[in-house]
Amino acid sequence: MDNQVILAASHLKKSFRVGMKNKVNAVNDVSLEIYKGETLALVGESGCGKSTLARMLMRMINADEGSIYFEGNEISGLTEKKMRPYRRQMQMVFQDPASSLDPRMKIRDIIAEPLVAWNAYDSRSKMDERIVELLDLVDLKEDCLDRYPHQFSGGQRQRIGIARAIALNPKLLICDESVSALDVCVQAQILNLLKSLKKQMGLTCLFISHDLAVVSFIADRVCVMKNGHICEMATSNQIYRNPQNEYTRYLLESVPQISNIKI
């Protein structure tokens, strides 16, 4: 990790209309910076605005107020055409690997999607070589290429989703609850994979989770979110050893401890 800011948000706000008169403030005056090469974890209870913030940073939805900067360039007001070059640099791994993969497509075509969309290779043979390379990076074998998503386990499907996300060598990877739908032992495998890819590819990661036990394994810094606000941000060690905010302490106390389990 260095001191170069790859993504920054300033005073972001987003609300949604509920019914005819009411509205919910999903993200309320959020500012943060993500440094090149780090893993910043965004944690909080379900419904606190984590995923909404991630989608705003990706420009999947527009902010009501505030600014977003990628490598110093403001992207929050760009048209879709001008935003397109930045899309290649920012990719997302979604929560549910089953619903994020088209069940009608073979794995070969799923991983090839971003390569085709960006005309990354001038021949099919070169693209096929890249697809096999990507499979190897996520510890899958070449014989899975002509199979469909339903023929794989949840962990394997998430590996396929990760392979697709890293196909264009992005600079920033946003993982939105990307291990929460997996068994505990599979979670550990995917977390180890993400750490390995980060090192190999020089990735910067925004890792979104409600599980502080998971976050402690992967994060350099932790950003704690409550009701659309950021209530605390610090290094992982500081958060776990000396949390300053009452809500952070509440989240830490809610993590199951083996010593507290009665048999």
Protein backbone atom coordinates (compact mmCIF):
# COMPACT_ATOMS: atom_id res chain seq x y z
CA MET A 1 0.00 0.00 0.00
CA ASP A 2 1.24 3.53 -0.76
CA ASN A 3 -0.14 7.04 -0.21
CA GLN A 4 -1.52 7.41 -3.73
CA VAL A 5 -5.32 7.77 -3.68
CA ILE A 6 -6.93 5.67 -6.40
CA LEU A 7 -10.58 6.40 -5.55
CA ALA A 8 -12.02 9.22 -3.46
CA ALA A 9 -15.55 10.21 -2.54
CA SER A 10 -16.57 13.59 -1.16
CA HIS A 11 -19.86 14.28 0.64
CA LEU A 12 -21.90 11.66 -1.22
CA LYS A 13 -25.63 11.57 -0.61
CA LYS A 14 -28.32 9.25 -1.97
CA SER A 15 -31.97 8.89 -1.01
CA PHE A 16 -34.77 6.73 -2.32
CA ARG A 17 -38.48 7.48 -2.46
CA VAL A 18 -40.68 5.17 -0.38
CA GLY A 19 -44.33 5.49 -1.22
CA MET A 20 -45.75 8.85 -2.25
CA LYS A 21 -44.35 11.09 0.48
CA ASN A 22 -41.55 9.40 2.38
CA LYS A 23 -37.92 8.95 1.46
CA VAL A 24 -35.01 7.02 2.95
CA ASN A 25 -31.52 8.49 3.17
CA ALA A 26 -29.43 5.47 2.15
CA VAL A 27 -26.10 7.34 2.02
CA ASN A 28 -25.75 10.59 3.91
CA ASP A 29 -22.65 12.80 3.54
CA VAL A 30 -20.05 10.06 3.07
CA SER A 31 -16.42 10.94 2.31
CA LEU A 32 -13.61 8.41 2.00
CA GLU A 33 -10.34 7.64 0.24
CA ILE A 34 -9.02 4.31 -1.02
CA TYR A 35 -5.26 4.07 -1.40
CA LYS A 36 -3.53 2.23 -4.19
CA GLY A 37 -2.67 -1.35 -3.21
CA GLU A 38 -4.76 -1.52 -0.05
CA THR A 39 -7.84 -3.46 0.94
CA LEU A 40 -10.36 -1.14 2.54
CA ALA A 41 -13.19 -2.97 4.28
CA LEU A 42 -16.61 -1.35 4.48
CA VAL A 43 -18.59 -2.92 7.32
CA GLY A 44 -21.95 -2.45 8.97
CA GLU A 45 -25.33 -4.06 9.49
CA SER A 46 -27.56 -5.00 6.57
CA GLY A 47 -29.39 -1.95 5.28
CA CYS A 48 -26.81 0.58 6.44
CA GLY A 49 -26.01 1.72 2.88
CA LYS A 50 -22.87 -0.28 2.04
CA SER A 51 -24.04 -1.69 -1.27
CA THR A 52 -25.66 1.59 -2.30
CA LEU A 53 -22.35 3.34 -1.69
CA ALA A 54 -20.49 0.72 -3.73
CA ARG A 55 -22.85 1.16 -6.66
CA MET A 56 -22.43 4.92 -6.47
CA LEU A 57 -18.64 4.58 -6.53
CA MET A 58 -18.97 2.33 -9.59
CA ARG A 59 -21.39 4.83 -11.19
CA MET A 60 -24.00 2.10 -11.46
CA ILE A 61 -26.33 4.61 -9.81
CA ASN A 62 -25.83 8.37 -9.62
CA ALA A 63 -25.36 10.30 -6.39
CA ASP A 64 -27.87 13.00 -5.47
CA GLU A 65 -24.99 15.13 -4.19
CA GLY A 66 -21.22 14.88 -3.85
CA SER A 67 -18.23 14.02 -6.02
CA ILE A 68 -16.27 10.89 -6.97
CA TYR A 69 -12.67 10.92 -8.19
CA PHE A 70 -10.73 8.10 -9.84
CA GLU A 71 -6.96 8.67 -9.89
CA GLY A 72 -7.60 12.38 -9.42
CA ASN A 73 -10.14 12.72 -12.23
CA GLU A 74 -13.73 13.54 -11.31
CA ILE A 75 -16.08 10.91 -12.70
CA SER A 76 -19.30 11.73 -10.86
CA GLY A 77 -20.66 14.00 -13.58
CA LEU A 78 -19.44 12.15 -16.67
CA THR A 79 -21.76 10.97 -19.41
CA GLU A 80 -21.85 7.23 -20.03
CA LYS A 81 -19.67 7.67 -23.11
CA LYS A 82 -16.99 9.55 -21.19
CA MET A 83 -17.32 7.16 -18.26
CA ARG A 84 -16.63 4.11 -20.43
CA PRO A 85 -12.78 4.18 -20.22
CA TYR A 86 -13.05 4.11 -16.41
CA ARG A 87 -15.36 1.08 -16.47
CA ARG A 88 -12.43 -1.06 -17.52
CA GLN A 89 -10.44 0.00 -14.46
CA MET A 90 -13.19 -0.73 -11.90
CA GLN A 91 -14.81 -4.14 -11.64
CA MET A 92 -17.17 -5.77 -9.15
CA VAL A 93 -17.61 -9.23 -7.64
CA PHE A 94 -21.21 -9.68 -6.52
CA GLN A 95 -22.73 -11.38 -3.49
CA ASP A 96 -24.64 -14.24 -5.10
CA PRO A 97 -22.50 -16.14 -7.62
CA ALA A 98 -25.54 -17.99 -8.92
CA SER A 99 -27.54 -14.92 -9.92
CA SER A 100 -24.53 -12.96 -11.24
CA LEU A 101 -23.75 -15.60 -13.90
CA ASP A 102 -26.04 -16.10 -16.89
CA PRO A 103 -27.35 -19.70 -16.58
CA ARG A 104 -27.70 -19.97 -20.37
CA MET A 105 -24.05 -19.22 -21.07
CA LYS A 106 -21.10 -21.59 -20.95
CA ILE A 107 -18.22 -20.66 -18.68
CA ARG A 108 -16.03 -19.95 -21.70
CA ASP A 109 -18.46 -17.26 -22.89
CA ILE A 110 -19.06 -15.81 -19.41
CA ILE A 111 -15.36 -15.15 -18.87
CA ALA A 112 -14.98 -13.93 -22.46
CA GLU A 113 -17.75 -11.32 -22.07
CA PRO A 114 -15.56 -8.37 -20.99
CA LEU A 115 -12.83 -9.36 -23.45
CA VAL A 116 -15.33 -9.31 -26.32
CA ALA A 117 -16.98 -6.08 -25.13
CA TRP A 118 -13.63 -4.30 -25.14
CA ASN A 119 -12.21 -5.97 -28.27
CA ALA A 120 -9.24 -6.97 -26.14
CA TYR A 121 -7.86 -9.52 -28.63
CA ASP A 122 -7.72 -9.61 -32.41
CA SER A 123 -8.00 -13.39 -32.63
CA ARG A 124 -10.06 -16.07 -30.93
CA SER A 125 -6.98 -18.17 -30.18
CA LYS A 126 -5.36 -15.36 -28.18
CA MET A 127 -8.58 -14.77 -26.29
CA ASP A 128 -8.88 -18.49 -25.52
CA GLU A 129 -5.33 -18.43 -24.14
CA ARG A 130 -6.32 -15.54 -21.87
CA ILE A 131 -9.44 -17.40 -20.68
CA VAL A 132 -7.37 -20.46 -19.75
CA GLU A 133 -4.89 -18.20 -17.97
CA LEU A 134 -7.72 -16.63 -15.98
CA LEU A 135 -9.06 -20.04 -14.99
CA ASP A 136 -5.62 -20.98 -13.74
CA LEU A 137 -5.43 -17.76 -11.70
CA VAL A 138 -8.63 -18.71 -9.86
CA ASP A 139 -7.63 -22.39 -9.48
CA LEU A 140 -10.08 -23.89 -11.95
CA LYS A 141 -9.27 -26.40 -14.68
CA GLU A 142 -9.66 -25.97 -18.42
CA ASP A 143 -12.20 -28.80 -18.67
CA CYS A 144 -14.87 -26.59 -17.09
CA LEU A 145 -15.03 -24.22 -20.07
CA ASP A 146 -17.90 -25.95 -21.88
CA ARG A 147 -20.04 -26.44 -18.79
CA TYR A 148 -22.81 -24.24 -17.37
CA PRO A 149 -22.98 -22.37 -14.03
CA HIS A 150 -25.49 -24.81 -12.48
CA GLN A 151 -22.90 -27.58 -12.81
CA PHE A 152 -20.62 -25.92 -10.25
CA SER A 153 -20.66 -25.39 -6.50
CA GLY A 154 -21.17 -21.94 -4.98
CA GLY A 155 -17.46 -21.51 -4.37
CA GLN A 156 -16.59 -22.53 -7.91
CA ARG A 157 -19.18 -20.12 -9.32
CA GLN A 158 -17.65 -17.32 -7.28
CA ARG A 159 -14.23 -18.19 -8.71
CA ILE A 160 -15.74 -17.88 -12.19
CA GLY A 161 -17.17 -14.48 -11.25
CA ILE A 162 -13.76 -13.38 -10.01
CA ALA A 163 -12.11 -14.60 -13.23
CA ARG A 164 -14.54 -12.48 -15.24
CA ALA A 165 -13.93 -9.46 -12.99
CA ILE A 166 -10.13 -9.57 -13.39
CA ALA A 167 -10.16 -10.37 -17.12
CA LEU A 168 -9.30 -6.80 -18.16
CA ASN A 169 -6.66 -6.28 -15.45
CA PRO A 170 -8.61 -3.67 -13.48
CA LYS A 171 -6.97 -1.41 -10.95
CA LEU A 172 -9.85 -1.51 -8.46
CA LEU A 173 -11.92 -4.54 -7.44
CA ILE A 174 -15.09 -4.01 -5.41
CA CYS A 175 -16.26 -7.14 -3.61
CA ASP A 176 -19.84 -6.67 -2.43
CA GLU A 177 -20.51 -9.31 0.26
CA SER A 178 -18.70 -11.71 -2.08
CA VAL A 179 -18.25 -14.50 0.49
CA SER A 180 -21.41 -14.12 2.61
CA ALA A 181 -23.38 -16.70 0.57
CA LEU A 182 -20.66 -19.35 0.95
CA ASP A 183 -19.91 -22.00 3.56
CA VAL A 184 -17.28 -21.03 6.13
CA CYS A 185 -14.56 -23.30 4.75
CA VAL A 186 -15.24 -22.05 1.21
CA GLN A 187 -15.17 -18.46 2.46
CA ALA A 188 -11.61 -19.02 3.65
CA GLN A 189 -10.60 -20.38 0.24
CA ILE A 190 -12.08 -17.37 -1.60
CA LEU A 191 -10.49 -14.91 0.83
CA ASN A 192 -7.10 -16.56 0.31
CA LEU A 193 -7.66 -16.36 -3.45
CA LEU A 194 -8.47 -12.65 -3.26
CA LYS A 195 -5.36 -11.98 -1.18
CA SER A 196 -3.24 -13.92 -3.67
CA LEU A 197 -4.69 -12.08 -6.69
CA LYS A 198 -4.21 -8.74 -4.98
CA LYS A 199 -0.52 -9.50 -4.57
CA GLN A 200 -0.04 -10.97 -8.06
CA MET A 201 -1.94 -8.28 -9.95
CA GLY A 202 -1.32 -5.24 -7.77
CA LEU A 203 -5.04 -4.84 -7.15
CA THR A 204 -6.71 -2.33 -4.88
CA CYS A 205 -9.82 -3.72 -3.16
CA LEU A 206 -12.93 -2.35 -1.53
CA PHE A 207 -14.28 -5.30 0.46
CA ILE A 208 -17.85 -4.96 1.71
CA SER A 209 -19.08 -7.20 4.51
CA HIS A 210 -21.23 -7.35 7.63
CA ASP A 211 -18.90 -9.98 9.14
CA LEU A 212 -16.07 -8.48 11.18
CA ALA A 213 -14.45 -11.89 11.60
CA VAL A 214 -14.01 -12.09 7.82
CA VAL A 215 -12.83 -8.49 7.59
CA SER A 216 -10.06 -8.99 10.15
CA PHE A 217 -8.41 -11.50 7.80
CA ILE A 218 -8.31 -9.40 4.67
CA ALA A 219 -8.45 -5.66 5.47
CA ASP A 220 -5.67 -3.09 5.83
CA ARG A 221 -8.14 -0.42 6.94
CA VAL A 222 -11.74 -0.66 8.12
CA CYS A 223 -14.54 1.81 7.51
CA VAL A 224 -17.57 1.33 9.79
CA MET A 225 -20.93 2.46 8.42
CA LYS A 226 -24.18 3.04 10.29
CA ASN A 227 -27.46 4.38 8.92
CA GLY A 228 -25.81 5.86 5.84
CA HIS A 229 -22.99 7.55 7.78
CA ILE A 230 -19.36 6.60 8.37
CA CYS A 231 -18.94 6.51 12.12
CA GLU A 232 -15.33 5.30 12.33
CA MET A 233 -12.37 4.65 10.03
CA ALA A 234 -8.98 3.30 11.11
CA THR A 235 -6.42 0.60 10.45
CA SER A 236 -7.55 -2.96 11.03
CA ASN A 237 -5.38 -3.26 14.14
CA GLN A 238 -6.77 -0.07 15.64
CA ILE A 239 -10.37 -1.08 14.98
CA TYR A 240 -9.98 -4.48 16.60
CA ARG A 241 -7.73 -3.47 19.50
CA ASN A 242 -9.04 -0.04 20.39
CA PRO A 243 -12.34 0.91 18.74
CA GLN A 244 -13.35 4.50 19.41
CA ASN A 245 -17.02 4.43 18.45
CA GLU A 246 -19.73 2.77 20.50
CA TYR A 247 -21.32 1.23 17.41
CA THR A 248 -17.97 -0.31 16.38
CA ARG A 249 -17.66 -1.86 19.84
CA TYR A 250 -21.19 -3.21 19.47
CA LEU A 251 -20.31 -4.86 16.15
CA LEU A 252 -17.15 -6.39 17.62
CA GLU A 253 -19.05 -7.75 20.63
CA SER A 254 -21.57 -9.39 18.29
CA VAL A 255 -18.86 -11.56 16.67
CA PRO A 256 -19.18 -15.12 18.07
CA GLN A 257 -16.28 -16.18 20.28
CA ILE A 258 -15.49 -19.85 20.87
CA SER A 259 -14.88 -19.18 24.56
CA ASN A 260 -18.46 -17.85 24.86
CA ILE A 261 -20.11 -20.91 23.35
CA LYS A 262 -21.64 -23.30 25.88
CA ILE A 263 -21.95 -26.97 24.99
